[in-house]
Amino acid sequence: MSVSFVRVDDRMIHGQTCTRWALEYPCDGLIAVNDAAAKTPVLKAAYKNASGKKTFVWTMEEFLAKSGKVLASKDNYFLITKNPLDMAKILVDAGFKPSDVKTVIIGPCNDRPGTTKLGNNQSITQEEAEALESIMQKGYDVEFALTKSDAIGNWKKFRGQFGFN
């Protein structure tokens, strides 16, 4: 297996990702895909130093170019994007298919103007809802959980609020 866990988290890499979730889904390293972080040396360094694990911070273009190597790796990685739109680009548009991963975990999505609040620190826009719908339609379960014990439910529970039947 090469990707053991797939998560959307607007903080990307932080202690909770590396400790709590790594207990559930063992990993050797992290791959964060975010153009702004990958192109900002200070941010990139901060993320790389936050985990204590092998960490890559790539642009979308870099990830797509290296995705075959990721799938072929003998190491297990967490794949993390900052928002559902980027995750949909990877899983739906590019057709990246981590072999044993059936669930995409949606972590913190800050309250922002134009969002619908689903739970504590979990708010999404209509455009993000459309990305989540496309991920679900691709065959993934989409679960909202800051941590496993704080899960608020599957996308199917919330999708009606965004016009999906």
Protein backbone atom coordinates (compact mmCIF):
# COMPACT_ATOMS: atom_id res chain seq x y z
CA MET A 1 0.00 0.00 0.00
CA SER A 2 1.23 3.49 -0.70
CA VAL A 3 -1.51 5.74 0.65
CA SER A 4 -3.09 4.60 3.90
CA PHE A 5 -5.22 7.66 4.69
CA VAL A 6 -6.81 10.50 2.70
CA ARG A 7 -7.84 13.71 4.46
CA VAL A 8 -8.96 17.25 3.74
CA ASP A 9 -7.82 19.59 6.53
CA ASP A 10 -7.49 23.35 6.23
CA ARG A 11 -4.53 23.24 8.64
CA MET A 12 -2.98 20.40 6.59
CA ILE A 13 -0.24 19.11 8.89
CA HIS A 14 -0.46 19.44 12.66
CA GLY A 15 -0.08 17.30 15.76
CA GLN A 16 -3.57 15.80 15.59
CA THR A 17 -2.98 14.54 12.07
CA CYS A 18 0.32 12.98 13.00
CA THR A 19 -0.58 11.46 16.34
CA ARG A 20 -4.29 10.64 16.66
CA TRP A 21 -4.92 9.59 13.07
CA ALA A 22 -1.60 7.73 12.76
CA LEU A 23 -2.83 5.40 15.52
CA GLU A 24 -5.78 4.42 13.31
CA TYR A 25 -3.92 4.44 10.02
CA PRO A 26 -0.19 3.75 10.37
CA CYS A 27 2.00 5.80 8.10
CA ASP A 28 5.65 6.36 7.27
CA GLY A 29 5.16 9.89 6.01
CA LEU A 30 2.87 12.65 4.82
CA ILE A 31 2.16 14.17 1.43
CA ALA A 32 0.53 17.59 1.57
CA VAL A 33 -0.70 18.99 -1.74
CA ASN A 34 -1.17 22.75 -1.77
CA ASP A 35 0.22 25.19 -4.32
CA ALA A 36 0.58 28.13 -1.90
CA ALA A 37 2.36 26.13 0.80
CA ALA A 38 4.65 24.40 -1.68
CA LYS A 39 5.66 27.74 -3.21
CA THR A 40 6.24 29.52 0.12
CA PRO A 41 9.57 28.39 1.62
CA VAL A 42 8.70 29.36 5.20
CA LEU A 43 5.35 27.54 5.09
CA LYS A 44 6.85 24.53 3.37
CA ALA A 45 9.58 24.29 6.03
CA ALA A 46 7.07 24.68 8.86
CA TYR A 47 4.91 21.84 7.52
CA LYS A 48 7.92 19.61 6.90
CA ASN A 49 9.11 20.13 10.48
CA ALA A 50 5.67 19.71 12.09
CA SER A 51 5.23 15.98 11.77
CA GLY A 52 8.40 14.22 12.86
CA LYS A 53 7.83 11.98 9.81
CA LYS A 54 9.04 12.04 6.22
CA THR A 55 6.99 14.89 4.77
CA PHE A 56 6.52 16.17 1.24
CA VAL A 57 4.79 19.46 0.44
CA TRP A 58 4.00 19.55 -3.26
CA THR A 59 2.12 21.68 -5.71
CA MET A 60 -0.75 19.99 -7.51
CA GLU A 61 1.42 19.76 -10.62
CA GLU A 62 4.25 18.10 -8.65
CA PHE A 63 1.86 15.60 -7.05
CA LEU A 64 0.28 14.65 -10.37
CA ALA A 65 3.75 14.18 -11.91
CA LYS A 66 4.85 11.98 -8.99
CA SER A 67 1.56 10.15 -8.34
CA GLY A 68 2.74 6.97 -10.04
CA LYS A 69 5.77 6.83 -7.74
CA VAL A 70 3.50 7.43 -4.76
CA LEU A 71 1.30 4.49 -5.74
CA ALA A 72 4.36 2.28 -6.30
CA SER A 73 6.00 3.18 -2.98
CA LYS A 74 6.42 0.52 -0.32
CA ASP A 75 5.94 3.23 2.32
CA ASN A 76 2.51 4.27 3.62
CA TYR A 77 1.62 7.94 3.29
CA PHE A 78 -1.17 10.19 4.42
CA LEU A 79 -2.44 12.25 1.49
CA ILE A 80 -3.71 15.63 2.66
CA THR A 81 -5.14 18.63 0.85
CA LYS A 82 -6.23 21.93 2.33
CA ASN A 83 -9.66 21.89 0.66
CA PRO A 84 -12.14 19.56 -1.02
CA LEU A 85 -11.55 21.17 -4.45
CA ASP A 86 -7.94 20.01 -4.54
CA MET A 87 -8.89 16.53 -3.32
CA ALA A 88 -11.48 16.27 -6.10
CA LYS A 89 -8.81 17.27 -8.65
CA ILE A 90 -6.66 14.37 -7.41
CA LEU A 91 -9.27 11.63 -6.89
CA VAL A 92 -11.83 12.53 -9.56
CA ASP A 93 -10.24 14.64 -12.30
CA ALA A 94 -6.81 12.93 -12.29
CA GLY A 95 -8.23 9.52 -11.36
CA PHE A 96 -5.64 8.89 -8.63
CA LYS A 97 -6.74 5.67 -6.92
CA PRO A 98 -5.10 4.71 -3.64
CA SER A 99 -5.59 0.93 -3.64
CA ASP A 100 -7.06 0.23 -0.20
CA VAL A 101 -8.52 3.62 0.68
CA LYS A 102 -12.32 3.72 0.57
CA THR A 103 -12.94 6.75 2.80
CA VAL A 104 -11.98 10.41 2.56
CA ILE A 105 -11.95 12.11 5.96
CA ILE A 106 -12.97 15.76 6.05
CA GLY A 107 -11.32 17.50 8.98
CA PRO A 108 -11.34 21.17 9.91
CA CYS A 109 -12.89 23.53 7.36
CA ASN A 110 -13.03 26.97 8.93
CA ASP A 111 -16.20 29.01 9.14
CA ARG A 112 -15.95 31.56 6.33
CA PRO A 113 -18.37 33.87 4.56
CA GLY A 114 -20.55 31.90 2.17
CA THR A 115 -20.26 28.59 4.00
CA THR A 116 -22.84 26.30 5.55
CA LYS A 117 -21.92 25.13 9.02
CA LEU A 118 -22.19 21.35 9.39
CA GLY A 119 -20.46 20.97 12.75
CA ASN A 120 -17.81 22.42 15.02
CA ASN A 121 -15.12 23.90 12.73
CA GLN A 122 -16.65 22.13 9.74
CA SER A 123 -18.19 24.54 7.23
CA ILE A 124 -18.22 24.22 3.46
CA THR A 125 -19.17 26.30 0.44
CA GLN A 126 -21.47 25.17 -2.37
CA GLU A 127 -18.43 24.71 -4.62
CA GLU A 128 -16.77 22.51 -1.96
CA ALA A 129 -20.04 20.57 -1.63
CA GLU A 130 -19.94 19.90 -5.36
CA ALA A 131 -16.38 18.60 -5.01
CA LEU A 132 -17.45 16.30 -2.16
CA GLU A 133 -20.38 15.06 -4.20
CA SER A 134 -18.04 14.22 -7.09
CA ILE A 135 -15.73 12.34 -4.69
CA MET A 136 -18.70 10.36 -3.36
CA GLN A 137 -19.91 9.65 -6.90
CA LYS A 138 -16.43 8.29 -7.66
CA GLY A 139 -17.08 5.61 -5.02
CA TYR A 140 -15.58 7.01 -1.83
CA ASP A 141 -17.26 7.35 1.52
CA VAL A 142 -16.87 10.95 2.71
CA GLU A 143 -16.79 11.24 6.51
CA PHE A 144 -16.68 14.44 8.54
CA ALA A 145 -14.39 13.94 11.53
CA LEU A 146 -11.96 16.26 13.28
CA THR A 147 -10.83 13.13 15.12
CA LYS A 148 -12.30 9.65 14.88
CA SER A 149 -14.21 10.16 18.16
CA ASP A 150 -15.54 13.56 16.97
CA ALA A 151 -17.12 12.28 13.74
CA ILE A 152 -20.36 14.09 12.83
CA GLY A 153 -21.44 11.91 9.94
CA ASN A 154 -21.17 10.89 6.34
CA TRP A 155 -21.61 13.29 3.39
CA LYS A 156 -24.92 11.52 2.62
CA LYS A 157 -26.30 13.08 5.83
CA PHE A 158 -25.51 16.63 4.67
CA ARG A 159 -25.73 16.61 0.87
CA GLY A 160 -29.42 17.55 0.79
CA GLN A 161 -28.52 20.97 2.25
CA PHE A 162 -26.63 21.65 -0.96
CA GLY A 163 -29.26 20.52 -3.45
CA PHE A 164 -28.16 16.91 -3.97
CA ASN A 165 -30.78 14.17 -3.69
